Each structure stands twice: as C-alpha cells, then as structure tokens.
Amino acid sequence: MTITSLTTPARLDDAALGLLFDDAHTTNAFTREPVDVDVVRRAYEHLRWAPTAMNTQPLRLTVLGTPESREPLVAHLSPGNQAKTLAAPLTVVAAYDPDFHEHMPVLAPFRAGMREQLAPDAELRDGLARTNGLIQLGYLILALRAEGLQVGPMAGMDAAGVDGALHAENGWRVLAVLNVGHAADPEDERAQFPRAGRLEFDQVAVVR
C-alpha cells in the first residue's frame, strides 16, 4: 500500500465526482452485457481500505452470477424486486458477520485481547458489526460506481428467509441486495427514475 503525500492534490475532478454522486442513479434494469466477478473483486480491493471502528471490517459478500444461483434469494425478496433481480447481470448480497471478532488479531493487533473481550458479548458484537457493515455497504456502492458500474440497491426482503437460504452455514446477516450492471437498459423507461429531491446543506447541518 502506497501512502499518498500530504502535498498531493486530493480532490477528484468534477467528472469523477459525477460518476460517484451527482450523475449516478439507482438502476432497476440493465443492458445484457455481463459483469465479470473480477470487477467486484477490484471494487472490494478499494473499499477494504476505508475506515471502520477498530478496523473491524464486518462486511461479507455473496456474489450471484447466474439466474439459477439467485433463485434461493429471489424467493425471499419483495415481489417488486424479484423479476429485476433474476434479470440483472450480477447480484451481490451484502451482509455482516457477527463473528468478525475472530479476525481481530490480524485486523487490529494494536488492540491486544480484543477477540477474547468481544467473544462473550454477542449483542455488542452484532451492533458493532451491523453499524460498520452498513458503513462498508456505502463504500461498496461507491467502489462499484468507480469501476464504471450501475448499481441497484434493495432492502425489500424477508431478511430471515434470505439468511436461511444463503447464510445458514456461516451465520452472516443480510444488509441489502445490490443488482449490478454496466449500463441502464435504454429500452426500459423504468430502468432509472427521474432524480428525486435532495435536502440542502443548511437543512441538515449546524455550523458552530
């Protein structure tokens, strides 16, 4: 890992910021161009360097590349999310691992004994994992956009059903489902909806 000099200009140009934020839309339908799993791998290589509390990194991913692999998931999605998930080029199920503490000796060697301290407190671990998993979920969406992909995040599901279908062996807990593609389907008028309103800075911030 290269540490960037503090004198290096750090601001992204407007085109890059647009790719990540201003010009990006939630996408419901994509072109048929396939998405290589290696693109998701590259996105993860970036997002894993972003901060989490004590470097816990609880985000876990299940990457589903075929309609057949998605069928156990789709059965537990809300009706409005089922067909578009089967049709997407790629689907990523983002979850968190409540047993993240097992990796603390590697992730946070500066916190000696943290694995043993967290082990008996399942409620604390679950809260830490969920909060920091959601933080990493935001990084994931931006990292996928940075790779030139369109993303359709969804939360409409039976979470317990999804976990039973996909996470029975590892104990992960679903946060969201992301459909991913290279571009919105130009023939589907519902592929991307018009931009909704946003609050202004002065409505959400107090400067003191």
N, C-alpha and C. Protein backbone atom coordinates (compact mmCIF):
# COMPACT_ATOMS: atom_id res chain seq x y z
N MET A 1 0.85 -1.20 0.00
CA MET A 1 0.00 0.00 0.00
C MET A 1 0.88 1.25 0.00
N THR A 2 0.60 2.17 -0.90
CA THR A 2 1.35 3.41 -1.00
C THR A 2 0.65 4.50 -0.20
N ILE A 3 1.39 5.18 0.64
CA ILE A 3 0.83 6.29 1.41
C ILE A 3 0.98 7.56 0.60
N THR A 4 -0.14 8.22 0.32
CA THR A 4 -0.12 9.42 -0.50
C THR A 4 0.51 10.58 0.26
N SER A 5 1.36 11.33 -0.42
CA SER A 5 1.97 12.51 0.19
C SER A 5 0.90 13.52 0.56
N LEU A 6 1.10 14.17 1.70
CA LEU A 6 0.14 15.18 2.13
C LEU A 6 0.12 16.39 1.21
N THR A 7 1.15 16.53 0.37
CA THR A 7 1.19 17.66 -0.56
C THR A 7 0.52 17.33 -1.89
N THR A 8 0.11 16.06 -2.09
CA THR A 8 -0.53 15.68 -3.34
C THR A 8 -1.96 16.21 -3.39
N PRO A 9 -2.35 16.89 -4.48
CA PRO A 9 -3.74 17.36 -4.58
C PRO A 9 -4.69 16.17 -4.45
N ALA A 10 -5.69 16.29 -3.56
CA ALA A 10 -6.52 15.14 -3.23
C ALA A 10 -7.92 15.21 -3.83
N ARG A 11 -8.34 16.36 -4.34
CA ARG A 11 -9.72 16.49 -4.80
C ARG A 11 -9.91 15.80 -6.15
N LEU A 12 -10.98 15.00 -6.26
CA LEU A 12 -11.35 14.42 -7.54
C LEU A 12 -11.89 15.51 -8.46
N ASP A 13 -11.73 15.30 -9.76
CA ASP A 13 -12.30 16.29 -10.69
C ASP A 13 -13.81 16.09 -10.77
N ASP A 14 -14.48 17.03 -11.42
CA ASP A 14 -15.95 17.02 -11.45
C ASP A 14 -16.50 15.78 -12.14
N ALA A 15 -15.80 15.29 -13.16
CA ALA A 15 -16.27 14.10 -13.87
C ALA A 15 -16.26 12.89 -12.94
N ALA A 16 -15.20 12.75 -12.15
CA ALA A 16 -15.13 11.62 -11.22
C ALA A 16 -16.18 11.75 -10.12
N LEU A 17 -16.37 12.95 -9.60
CA LEU A 17 -17.40 13.16 -8.58
C LEU A 17 -18.79 12.87 -9.14
N GLY A 18 -19.01 13.23 -10.39
CA GLY A 18 -20.29 12.95 -11.02
C GLY A 18 -20.54 11.45 -11.14
N LEU A 19 -19.49 10.70 -11.47
CA LEU A 19 -19.60 9.25 -11.58
C LEU A 19 -20.02 8.62 -10.26
N LEU A 20 -19.50 9.16 -9.18
CA LEU A 20 -19.79 8.60 -7.86
C LEU A 20 -21.08 9.12 -7.26
N PHE A 21 -21.41 10.40 -7.50
CA PHE A 21 -22.50 11.04 -6.77
C PHE A 21 -23.51 11.72 -7.69
N ASP A 22 -23.15 12.88 -8.23
CA ASP A 22 -24.11 13.78 -8.86
C ASP A 22 -24.88 13.15 -10.02
N ASP A 23 -24.18 12.39 -10.85
CA ASP A 23 -24.81 11.85 -12.05
C ASP A 23 -25.25 10.39 -11.90
N ALA A 24 -25.02 9.81 -10.74
CA ALA A 24 -25.32 8.40 -10.54
C ALA A 24 -26.77 8.22 -10.10
N HIS A 25 -27.41 7.18 -10.60
CA HIS A 25 -28.80 6.88 -10.27
C HIS A 25 -28.93 5.42 -9.84
N THR A 26 -29.84 5.15 -8.94
CA THR A 26 -30.23 3.76 -8.70
C THR A 26 -30.80 3.19 -9.99
N THR A 27 -30.36 1.98 -10.33
CA THR A 27 -30.75 1.38 -11.61
C THR A 27 -31.56 0.12 -11.36
N ASN A 28 -32.67 -0.01 -12.08
CA ASN A 28 -33.57 -1.15 -11.92
C ASN A 28 -33.46 -2.18 -13.04
N ALA A 29 -32.99 -1.76 -14.21
CA ALA A 29 -32.86 -2.67 -15.34
C ALA A 29 -31.59 -2.31 -16.11
N PHE A 30 -30.87 -3.33 -16.55
CA PHE A 30 -29.55 -3.13 -17.15
C PHE A 30 -29.51 -3.69 -18.57
N THR A 31 -28.49 -3.29 -19.31
CA THR A 31 -28.23 -3.94 -20.58
C THR A 31 -27.81 -5.38 -20.32
N ARG A 32 -27.72 -6.18 -21.37
CA ARG A 32 -27.40 -7.60 -21.23
C ARG A 32 -25.90 -7.86 -21.09
N GLU A 33 -25.08 -6.81 -21.13
CA GLU A 33 -23.65 -7.02 -21.03
C GLU A 33 -23.31 -7.66 -19.68
N PRO A 34 -22.58 -8.78 -19.69
CA PRO A 34 -22.27 -9.46 -18.42
C PRO A 34 -21.27 -8.67 -17.59
N VAL A 35 -21.29 -8.92 -16.30
CA VAL A 35 -20.35 -8.30 -15.36
C VAL A 35 -19.41 -9.38 -14.84
N ASP A 36 -18.12 -9.20 -15.06
CA ASP A 36 -17.13 -10.14 -14.58
C ASP A 36 -16.97 -10.00 -13.07
N VAL A 37 -16.90 -11.13 -12.38
CA VAL A 37 -16.73 -11.10 -10.93
C VAL A 37 -15.47 -10.36 -10.54
N ASP A 38 -14.46 -10.34 -11.41
CA ASP A 38 -13.22 -9.64 -11.10
C ASP A 38 -13.44 -8.14 -10.90
N VAL A 39 -14.49 -7.58 -11.52
CA VAL A 39 -14.80 -6.16 -11.31
C VAL A 39 -15.23 -5.94 -9.86
N VAL A 40 -16.03 -6.85 -9.33
CA VAL A 40 -16.43 -6.76 -7.92
C VAL A 40 -15.21 -6.96 -7.03
N ARG A 41 -14.33 -7.86 -7.42
CA ARG A 41 -13.10 -8.08 -6.66
C ARG A 41 -12.27 -6.80 -6.60
N ARG A 42 -12.14 -6.11 -7.73
CA ARG A 42 -11.39 -4.85 -7.75
C ARG A 42 -12.05 -3.81 -6.87
N ALA A 43 -13.38 -3.74 -6.92
CA ALA A 43 -14.10 -2.78 -6.07
C ALA A 43 -13.81 -3.07 -4.60
N TYR A 44 -13.81 -4.33 -4.23
CA TYR A 44 -13.53 -4.68 -2.83
C TYR A 44 -12.11 -4.31 -2.44
N GLU A 45 -11.16 -4.48 -3.36
CA GLU A 45 -9.78 -4.13 -3.06
C GLU A 45 -9.64 -2.66 -2.68
N HIS A 46 -10.53 -1.81 -3.21
CA HIS A 46 -10.52 -0.40 -2.83
C HIS A 46 -11.25 -0.17 -1.51
N LEU A 47 -12.47 -0.71 -1.39
CA LEU A 47 -13.29 -0.37 -0.22
C LEU A 47 -12.71 -0.90 1.07
N ARG A 48 -11.90 -1.97 1.01
CA ARG A 48 -11.39 -2.54 2.26
C ARG A 48 -10.42 -1.63 2.98
N TRP A 49 -9.93 -0.60 2.29
CA TRP A 49 -9.01 0.35 2.95
C TRP A 49 -9.76 1.47 3.65
N ALA A 50 -11.06 1.58 3.44
CA ALA A 50 -11.82 2.65 4.08
C ALA A 50 -12.04 2.33 5.56
N PRO A 51 -12.23 3.36 6.39
CA PRO A 51 -12.25 3.15 7.84
C PRO A 51 -13.53 2.48 8.36
N THR A 52 -13.33 1.64 9.37
CA THR A 52 -14.41 1.12 10.21
C THR A 52 -13.91 1.18 11.66
N ALA A 53 -14.83 1.10 12.61
CA ALA A 53 -14.45 1.18 14.02
C ALA A 53 -13.49 0.05 14.38
N MET A 54 -12.35 0.39 14.90
CA MET A 54 -11.31 -0.57 15.29
C MET A 54 -10.90 -1.47 14.12
N ASN A 55 -11.17 -1.00 12.89
CA ASN A 55 -10.83 -1.79 11.69
C ASN A 55 -11.52 -3.16 11.70
N THR A 56 -12.78 -3.18 12.15
CA THR A 56 -13.50 -4.44 12.29
C THR A 56 -13.82 -5.11 10.95
N GLN A 57 -14.12 -4.33 9.91
CA GLN A 57 -14.37 -4.86 8.56
C GLN A 57 -15.34 -6.04 8.56
N PRO A 58 -16.58 -5.86 9.02
CA PRO A 58 -17.51 -6.99 9.11
C PRO A 58 -18.28 -7.29 7.82
N LEU A 59 -18.11 -6.48 6.76
CA LEU A 59 -18.87 -6.70 5.54
C LEU A 59 -18.52 -8.04 4.91
N ARG A 60 -19.54 -8.77 4.47
CA ARG A 60 -19.35 -10.03 3.76
C ARG A 60 -20.21 -10.02 2.51
N LEU A 61 -19.74 -10.64 1.45
CA LEU A 61 -20.41 -10.59 0.15
C LEU A 61 -20.68 -11.99 -0.39
N THR A 62 -21.88 -12.18 -0.91
CA THR A 62 -22.21 -13.37 -1.68
C THR A 62 -22.51 -12.89 -3.09
N VAL A 63 -21.72 -13.33 -4.06
CA VAL A 63 -21.82 -12.87 -5.44
C VAL A 63 -22.54 -13.93 -6.26
N LEU A 64 -23.67 -13.56 -6.85
CA LEU A 64 -24.52 -14.49 -7.58
C LEU A 64 -24.52 -14.11 -9.06
N GLY A 65 -23.88 -14.93 -9.88
CA GLY A 65 -23.65 -14.57 -11.28
C GLY A 65 -24.65 -15.13 -12.26
N THR A 66 -25.52 -16.04 -11.84
CA THR A 66 -26.48 -16.65 -12.77
C THR A 66 -27.88 -16.58 -12.19
N PRO A 67 -28.90 -16.61 -13.06
CA PRO A 67 -30.27 -16.64 -12.53
C PRO A 67 -30.51 -17.84 -11.62
N GLU A 68 -29.89 -18.98 -11.94
CA GLU A 68 -30.08 -20.17 -11.13
C GLU A 68 -29.53 -19.97 -9.71
N SER A 69 -28.38 -19.31 -9.61
CA SER A 69 -27.79 -19.09 -8.29
C SER A 69 -28.60 -18.10 -7.48
N ARG A 70 -29.44 -17.29 -8.15
CA ARG A 70 -30.24 -16.28 -7.46
C ARG A 70 -31.60 -16.79 -6.99
N GLU A 71 -32.02 -17.92 -7.49
CA GLU A 71 -33.36 -18.39 -7.17
C GLU A 71 -33.62 -18.54 -5.67
N PRO A 72 -32.67 -19.10 -4.88
CA PRO A 72 -32.92 -19.17 -3.43
C PRO A 72 -33.08 -17.79 -2.79
N LEU A 73 -32.38 -16.80 -3.33
CA LEU A 73 -32.52 -15.42 -2.83
C LEU A 73 -33.85 -14.83 -3.24
N VAL A 74 -34.18 -14.95 -4.52
CA VAL A 74 -35.36 -14.28 -5.08
C VAL A 74 -36.64 -14.72 -4.36
N ALA A 75 -36.67 -15.96 -3.91
CA ALA A 75 -37.86 -16.46 -3.22
C ALA A 75 -38.17 -15.66 -1.96
N HIS A 76 -37.18 -14.93 -1.43
CA HIS A 76 -37.38 -14.18 -0.20
C HIS A 76 -37.36 -12.66 -0.41
N LEU A 77 -37.34 -12.22 -1.67
CA LEU A 77 -37.40 -10.79 -1.96
C LEU A 77 -38.85 -10.34 -2.08
N SER A 78 -39.07 -9.05 -1.87
CA SER A 78 -40.39 -8.48 -2.11
C SER A 78 -40.78 -8.68 -3.57
N PRO A 79 -42.07 -8.83 -3.86
CA PRO A 79 -42.48 -9.11 -5.24
C PRO A 79 -41.91 -8.14 -6.27
N GLY A 80 -41.82 -6.85 -5.93
CA GLY A 80 -41.32 -5.87 -6.87
C GLY A 80 -39.84 -5.99 -7.15
N ASN A 81 -39.11 -6.76 -6.35
CA ASN A 81 -37.67 -6.91 -6.53
C ASN A 81 -37.28 -8.23 -7.19
N GLN A 82 -38.24 -9.11 -7.43
CA GLN A 82 -37.90 -10.46 -7.87
C GLN A 82 -37.47 -10.52 -9.34
N ALA A 83 -38.33 -10.04 -10.24
CA ALA A 83 -38.03 -10.18 -11.67
C ALA A 83 -36.76 -9.42 -12.05
N LYS A 84 -36.58 -8.22 -11.51
CA LYS A 84 -35.40 -7.44 -11.89
C LYS A 84 -34.12 -8.06 -11.35
N THR A 85 -34.21 -8.80 -10.25
CA THR A 85 -33.02 -9.47 -9.73
C THR A 85 -32.67 -10.67 -10.59
N LEU A 86 -33.65 -11.43 -11.03
CA LEU A 86 -33.38 -12.55 -11.94
C LEU A 86 -32.80 -12.07 -13.26
N ALA A 87 -33.19 -10.87 -13.70
CA ALA A 87 -32.75 -10.37 -15.00
C ALA A 87 -31.41 -9.63 -14.94
N ALA A 88 -30.95 -9.27 -13.76
CA ALA A 88 -29.71 -8.48 -13.64
C ALA A 88 -28.49 -9.29 -14.08
N PRO A 89 -27.47 -8.63 -14.62
CA PRO A 89 -26.25 -9.34 -14.99
C PRO A 89 -25.54 -9.99 -13.80
N LEU A 90 -25.61 -9.33 -12.64
CA LEU A 90 -24.92 -9.83 -11.45
C LEU A 90 -25.64 -9.30 -10.22
N THR A 91 -25.67 -10.10 -9.17
CA THR A 91 -26.27 -9.68 -7.91
C THR A 91 -25.29 -9.92 -6.78
N VAL A 92 -25.14 -8.93 -5.91
CA VAL A 92 -24.27 -9.05 -4.75
C VAL A 92 -25.13 -8.91 -3.49
N VAL A 93 -25.09 -9.92 -2.65
CA VAL A 93 -25.79 -9.87 -1.37
C VAL A 93 -24.78 -9.39 -0.34
N ALA A 94 -25.03 -8.21 0.22
CA ALA A 94 -24.15 -7.63 1.22
C ALA A 94 -24.66 -7.99 2.60
N ALA A 95 -23.78 -8.51 3.44
CA ALA A 95 -24.15 -8.95 4.78
C ALA A 95 -23.07 -8.53 5.77
N TYR A 96 -23.34 -8.78 7.04
CA TYR A 96 -22.30 -8.57 8.05
C TYR A 96 -22.08 -9.86 8.83
N ASP A 97 -20.88 -9.98 9.37
CA ASP A 97 -20.50 -11.18 10.11
C ASP A 97 -20.46 -10.86 11.59
N PRO A 98 -21.39 -11.39 12.40
CA PRO A 98 -21.36 -11.12 13.82
C PRO A 98 -20.14 -11.73 14.52
N ASP A 99 -19.46 -12.64 13.84
CA ASP A 99 -18.25 -13.25 14.38
C ASP A 99 -16.98 -12.60 13.83
N PHE A 100 -17.10 -11.34 13.45
CA PHE A 100 -15.95 -10.60 12.93
C PHE A 100 -14.78 -10.60 13.90
N HIS A 101 -15.10 -10.75 15.20
CA HIS A 101 -14.06 -10.63 16.22
C HIS A 101 -12.97 -11.68 16.07
N GLU A 102 -13.28 -12.79 15.39
CA GLU A 102 -12.29 -13.84 15.20
C GLU A 102 -11.08 -13.35 14.40
N HIS A 103 -11.28 -12.28 13.63
CA HIS A 103 -10.20 -11.75 12.79
C HIS A 103 -9.45 -10.58 13.44
N MET A 104 -9.83 -10.21 14.64
CA MET A 104 -9.24 -9.02 15.26
C MET A 104 -7.73 -9.10 15.47
N PRO A 105 -7.14 -10.25 15.75
CA PRO A 105 -5.68 -10.27 15.87
C PRO A 105 -4.96 -9.82 14.60
N VAL A 106 -5.57 -10.04 13.45
CA VAL A 106 -5.00 -9.59 12.18
C VAL A 106 -5.40 -8.15 11.88
N LEU A 107 -6.67 -7.84 12.10
CA LEU A 107 -7.19 -6.52 11.72
C LEU A 107 -6.79 -5.43 12.70
N ALA A 108 -6.66 -5.77 13.96
CA ALA A 108 -6.36 -4.75 14.97
C ALA A 108 -5.37 -5.28 16.00
N PRO A 109 -4.16 -5.58 15.57
CA PRO A 109 -3.16 -6.09 16.52
C PRO A 109 -2.83 -5.08 17.62
N PHE A 110 -3.17 -3.82 17.36
CA PHE A 110 -2.94 -2.78 18.36
C PHE A 110 -3.95 -2.86 19.51
N ARG A 111 -4.99 -3.69 19.38
CA ARG A 111 -5.98 -3.90 20.44
C ARG A 111 -5.83 -5.32 20.99
N ALA A 112 -4.76 -5.55 21.70
CA ALA A 112 -4.46 -6.88 22.23
C ALA A 112 -5.62 -7.39 23.10
N GLY A 113 -6.01 -8.64 22.86
CA GLY A 113 -7.07 -9.25 23.65
C GLY A 113 -8.47 -8.88 23.22
N MET A 114 -8.64 -8.12 22.13
CA MET A 114 -9.97 -7.67 21.73
C MET A 114 -10.85 -8.85 21.31
N ARG A 115 -10.27 -9.84 20.66
CA ARG A 115 -11.07 -11.00 20.27
C ARG A 115 -11.68 -11.67 21.51
N GLU A 116 -10.89 -11.88 22.50
CA GLU A 116 -11.37 -12.52 23.72
C GLU A 116 -12.34 -11.64 24.49
N GLN A 117 -12.13 -10.33 24.44
CA GLN A 117 -13.03 -9.40 25.13
C GLN A 117 -14.41 -9.39 24.49
N LEU A 118 -14.47 -9.47 23.16
CA LEU A 118 -15.74 -9.40 22.45
C LEU A 118 -16.47 -10.74 22.40
N ALA A 119 -15.75 -11.82 22.50
CA ALA A 119 -16.33 -13.15 22.29
C ALA A 119 -17.59 -13.41 23.11
N PRO A 120 -17.66 -13.10 24.40
CA PRO A 120 -18.86 -13.45 25.18
C PRO A 120 -20.04 -12.50 25.02
N ASP A 121 -19.85 -11.37 24.34
CA ASP A 121 -20.91 -10.35 24.26
C ASP A 121 -21.49 -10.31 22.85
N ALA A 122 -22.39 -11.24 22.56
CA ALA A 122 -22.97 -11.35 21.22
C ALA A 122 -23.76 -10.12 20.83
N GLU A 123 -24.47 -9.51 21.78
CA GLU A 123 -25.27 -8.32 21.47
C GLU A 123 -24.39 -7.15 21.06
N LEU A 124 -23.29 -6.93 21.76
CA LEU A 124 -22.36 -5.87 21.40
C LEU A 124 -21.75 -6.13 20.04
N ARG A 125 -21.35 -7.37 19.79
CA ARG A 125 -20.73 -7.71 18.51
C ARG A 125 -21.70 -7.50 17.36
N ASP A 126 -22.96 -7.88 17.57
CA ASP A 126 -23.94 -7.72 16.50
C ASP A 126 -24.15 -6.24 16.17
N GLY A 127 -24.23 -5.40 17.21
CA GLY A 127 -24.40 -3.97 16.97
C GLY A 127 -23.21 -3.36 16.25
N LEU A 128 -22.01 -3.71 16.69
CA LEU A 128 -20.81 -3.21 16.03
C LEU A 128 -20.75 -3.67 14.58
N ALA A 129 -21.07 -4.94 14.36
CA ALA A 129 -20.97 -5.50 13.02
C ALA A 129 -22.00 -4.87 12.09
N ARG A 130 -23.22 -4.69 12.58
CA ARG A 130 -24.26 -4.11 11.72
C ARG A 130 -23.92 -2.66 11.36
N THR A 131 -23.56 -1.86 12.35
CA THR A 131 -23.24 -0.46 12.09
C THR A 131 -22.08 -0.33 11.10
N ASN A 132 -21.02 -1.06 11.33
CA ASN A 132 -19.85 -0.93 10.46
C ASN A 132 -20.04 -1.64 9.13
N GLY A 133 -20.90 -2.68 9.11
CA GLY A 133 -21.25 -3.28 7.84
C GLY A 133 -22.02 -2.32 6.95
N LEU A 134 -22.93 -1.53 7.56
CA LEU A 134 -23.66 -0.52 6.78
C LEU A 134 -22.72 0.56 6.26
N ILE A 135 -21.74 0.94 7.07
CA ILE A 135 -20.74 1.90 6.59
C ILE A 135 -20.02 1.33 5.37
N GLN A 136 -19.60 0.07 5.47
CA GLN A 136 -18.90 -0.54 4.34
C GLN A 136 -19.81 -0.74 3.14
N LEU A 137 -21.11 -0.94 3.37
CA LEU A 137 -22.05 -1.04 2.26
C LEU A 137 -22.04 0.24 1.43
N GLY A 138 -21.99 1.39 2.10
CA GLY A 138 -21.89 2.65 1.36
C GLY A 138 -20.61 2.72 0.54
N TYR A 139 -19.51 2.28 1.14
CA TYR A 139 -18.24 2.25 0.39
C TYR A 139 -18.37 1.33 -0.83
N LEU A 140 -19.05 0.19 -0.65
CA LEU A 140 -19.19 -0.77 -1.74
C LEU A 140 -19.91 -0.16 -2.93
N ILE A 141 -21.01 0.54 -2.66
CA ILE A 141 -21.75 1.17 -3.76
C ILE A 141 -20.86 2.15 -4.52
N LEU A 142 -20.11 2.97 -3.78
CA LEU A 142 -19.23 3.94 -4.43
C LEU A 142 -18.10 3.24 -5.18
N ALA A 143 -17.56 2.17 -4.62
CA ALA A 143 -16.48 1.45 -5.29
C ALA A 143 -16.96 0.80 -6.58
N LEU A 144 -18.17 0.25 -6.58
CA LEU A 144 -18.72 -0.32 -7.80
C LEU A 144 -18.96 0.77 -8.85
N ARG A 145 -19.47 1.91 -8.43
CA ARG A 145 -19.64 3.03 -9.37
C ARG A 145 -18.30 3.49 -9.91
N ALA A 146 -17.27 3.49 -9.07
CA ALA A 146 -15.95 3.91 -9.52
C ALA A 146 -15.39 2.98 -10.59
N GLU A 147 -15.86 1.72 -10.60
CA GLU A 147 -15.46 0.77 -11.63
C GLU A 147 -16.31 0.91 -12.89
N GLY A 148 -17.17 1.92 -12.92
CA GLY A 148 -17.98 2.17 -14.11
C GLY A 148 -19.29 1.40 -14.15
N LEU A 149 -19.70 0.82 -13.03
CA LEU A 149 -20.91 0.02 -13.00
C LEU A 149 -22.10 0.83 -12.49
N GLN A 150 -23.28 0.40 -12.90
CA GLN A 150 -24.52 0.92 -12.36
C GLN A 150 -24.98 -0.03 -11.25
N VAL A 151 -25.61 0.52 -10.21
CA VAL A 151 -25.96 -0.28 -9.05
C VAL A 151 -27.43 -0.04 -8.67
N GLY A 152 -28.10 -1.12 -8.31
CA GLY A 152 -29.48 -1.04 -7.84
C GLY A 152 -29.61 -1.65 -6.46
N PRO A 153 -29.40 -0.88 -5.38
CA PRO A 153 -29.50 -1.43 -4.02
C PRO A 153 -30.96 -1.64 -3.63
N MET A 154 -31.22 -2.71 -2.88
CA MET A 154 -32.58 -3.02 -2.45
C MET A 154 -32.55 -3.53 -1.01
N ALA A 155 -33.59 -3.19 -0.25
CA ALA A 155 -33.74 -3.70 1.10
C ALA A 155 -35.05 -4.44 1.29
N GLY A 156 -35.90 -4.47 0.28
CA GLY A 156 -37.20 -5.13 0.40
C GLY A 156 -37.06 -6.64 0.34
N MET A 157 -37.12 -7.29 1.50
CA MET A 157 -36.91 -8.74 1.56
C MET A 157 -37.34 -9.27 2.91
N ASP A 158 -37.46 -10.58 2.99
CA ASP A 158 -37.58 -11.28 4.26
C ASP A 158 -36.16 -11.63 4.68
N ALA A 159 -35.59 -10.81 5.57
CA ALA A 159 -34.18 -10.97 5.92
C ALA A 159 -33.89 -12.34 6.53
N ALA A 160 -34.78 -12.82 7.39
CA ALA A 160 -34.56 -14.13 7.99
C ALA A 160 -34.59 -15.23 6.93
N GLY A 161 -35.47 -15.07 5.94
CA GLY A 161 -35.52 -16.04 4.86
C GLY A 161 -34.26 -16.03 4.02
N VAL A 162 -33.75 -14.83 3.71
CA VAL A 162 -32.50 -14.72 2.95
C VAL A 162 -31.35 -15.37 3.71
N ASP A 163 -31.28 -15.07 5.01
CA ASP A 163 -30.20 -15.66 5.81
C ASP A 163 -30.32 -17.17 5.89
N GLY A 164 -31.54 -17.67 5.96
CA GLY A 164 -31.73 -19.11 5.98
C GLY A 164 -31.30 -19.77 4.69
N ALA A 165 -31.54 -19.07 3.57
CA ALA A 165 -31.21 -19.63 2.26
C ALA A 165 -29.74 -19.52 1.92
N LEU A 166 -29.09 -18.41 2.34
CA LEU A 166 -27.72 -18.15 1.90
C LEU A 166 -26.68 -18.22 3.01
N HIS A 167 -27.07 -18.00 4.25
CA HIS A 167 -26.09 -17.81 5.32
C HIS A 167 -26.21 -18.83 6.45
N ALA A 168 -26.88 -19.94 6.19
CA ALA A 168 -27.08 -20.92 7.25
C ALA A 168 -25.76 -21.48 7.76
N GLU A 169 -24.78 -21.61 6.89
CA GLU A 169 -23.51 -22.23 7.29
C GLU A 169 -22.54 -21.25 7.92
N ASN A 170 -22.60 -19.97 7.53
CA ASN A 170 -21.59 -19.02 8.03
C ASN A 170 -22.14 -18.04 9.06
N GLY A 171 -23.45 -17.96 9.24
CA GLY A 171 -24.02 -17.08 10.25
C GLY A 171 -24.04 -15.61 9.88
N TRP A 172 -23.77 -15.27 8.61
CA TRP A 172 -23.83 -13.87 8.20
C TRP A 172 -25.29 -13.39 8.24
N ARG A 173 -25.45 -12.06 8.28
CA ARG A 173 -26.79 -11.47 8.33
C ARG A 173 -26.92 -10.39 7.26
N VAL A 174 -27.93 -10.53 6.44
CA VAL A 174 -28.06 -9.69 5.25
C VAL A 174 -28.34 -8.24 5.63
N LEU A 175 -27.72 -7.34 4.87
CA LEU A 175 -27.97 -5.90 4.98
C LEU A 175 -28.76 -5.38 3.78
N ALA A 176 -28.37 -5.77 2.59
CA ALA A 176 -29.00 -5.27 1.37
C ALA A 176 -28.62 -6.18 0.21
N VAL A 177 -29.38 -6.07 -0.85
CA VAL A 177 -29.09 -6.78 -2.10
C VAL A 177 -28.81 -5.74 -3.17
N LEU A 178 -27.72 -5.94 -3.91
CA LEU A 178 -27.32 -4.98 -4.94
C LEU A 178 -27.31 -5.68 -6.29
N ASN A 179 -28.17 -5.23 -7.20
CA ASN A 179 -28.07 -5.66 -8.59
C ASN A 179 -27.07 -4.75 -9.29
N VAL A 180 -26.26 -5.34 -10.18
CA VAL A 180 -25.13 -4.63 -10.76
C VAL A 180 -25.08 -4.88 -12.27
N GLY A 181 -24.82 -3.82 -13.02
CA GLY A 181 -24.66 -3.94 -14.47
C GLY A 181 -23.81 -2.83 -15.02
N HIS A 182 -23.49 -2.92 -16.31
CA HIS A 182 -22.62 -1.92 -16.92
C HIS A 182 -23.35 -0.64 -17.31
N ALA A 183 -24.63 -0.75 -17.63
CA ALA A 183 -25.38 0.44 -18.05
C ALA A 183 -26.87 0.15 -17.90
N ALA A 184 -27.63 1.22 -17.76
CA ALA A 184 -29.08 1.08 -17.68
C ALA A 184 -29.63 0.67 -19.04
N ASP A 185 -30.68 -0.13 -19.03
CA ASP A 185 -31.32 -0.57 -20.26
C ASP A 185 -31.99 0.62 -20.95
N PRO A 186 -31.51 1.02 -22.13
CA PRO A 186 -32.08 2.21 -22.78
C PRO A 186 -33.50 2.00 -23.28
N GLU A 187 -33.94 0.74 -23.36
CA GLU A 187 -35.28 0.45 -23.86
C GLU A 187 -36.31 0.34 -22.75
N ASP A 188 -35.87 0.46 -21.50
CA ASP A 188 -36.79 0.34 -20.37
C ASP A 188 -36.91 1.70 -19.70
N GLU A 189 -38.07 2.31 -19.81
CA GLU A 189 -38.25 3.66 -19.26
C GLU A 189 -38.23 3.67 -17.73
N ARG A 190 -38.36 2.49 -17.13
CA ARG A 190 -38.32 2.40 -15.67
C ARG A 190 -36.94 1.98 -15.16
N ALA A 191 -35.97 1.91 -16.06
CA ALA A 191 -34.62 1.48 -15.66
C ALA A 191 -34.03 2.44 -14.64
N GLN A 192 -34.24 3.72 -14.85
CA GLN A 192 -33.82 4.75 -13.90
C GLN A 192 -34.92 5.79 -13.81
N PHE A 193 -35.34 6.09 -12.61
CA PHE A 193 -36.38 7.09 -12.42
C PHE A 193 -35.76 8.49 -12.39
N PRO A 194 -36.54 9.53 -12.68
CA PRO A 194 -36.00 10.90 -12.59
C PRO A 194 -35.46 11.20 -11.20
N ARG A 195 -34.51 12.06 -11.15
CA ARG A 195 -33.87 12.43 -9.88
C ARG A 195 -34.90 13.01 -8.91
N ALA A 196 -34.97 12.44 -7.72
CA ALA A 196 -35.85 12.97 -6.68
C ALA A 196 -35.16 14.12 -5.97
N GLY A 197 -35.92 14.83 -5.13
CA GLY A 197 -35.38 15.98 -4.42
C GLY A 197 -34.32 15.58 -3.40
N ARG A 198 -33.50 16.55 -3.04
CA ARG A 198 -32.48 16.36 -2.02
C ARG A 198 -32.51 17.57 -1.09
N LEU A 199 -32.17 17.35 0.17
CA LEU A 199 -32.10 18.44 1.12
C LEU A 199 -30.83 19.25 0.91
N GLU A 200 -30.92 20.55 1.18
CA GLU A 200 -29.76 21.43 1.07
C GLU A 200 -28.91 21.32 2.34
N PHE A 201 -27.67 21.74 2.21
CA PHE A 201 -26.72 21.67 3.33
C PHE A 201 -27.27 22.36 4.57
N ASP A 202 -27.85 23.56 4.39
CA ASP A 202 -28.34 24.32 5.53
C ASP A 202 -29.54 23.67 6.22
N GLN A 203 -30.18 22.70 5.54
CA GLN A 203 -31.29 21.98 6.15
C GLN A 203 -30.83 20.82 7.03
N VAL A 204 -29.61 20.37 6.82
CA VAL A 204 -29.15 19.16 7.52
C VAL A 204 -27.96 19.40 8.43
N ALA A 205 -27.39 20.60 8.37
CA ALA A 205 -26.15 20.85 9.11
C ALA A 205 -26.28 22.05 10.03
N VAL A 206 -25.63 21.94 11.17
CA VAL A 206 -25.50 23.07 12.10
C VAL A 206 -24.02 23.38 12.19
N VAL A 207 -23.64 24.60 11.84
CA VAL A 207 -22.25 25.02 11.88
C VAL A 207 -22.05 25.94 13.07
N ARG A 208 -21.13 25.58 13.95
CA ARG A 208 -20.92 26.35 15.17
C ARG A 208 -19.48 26.81 15.26
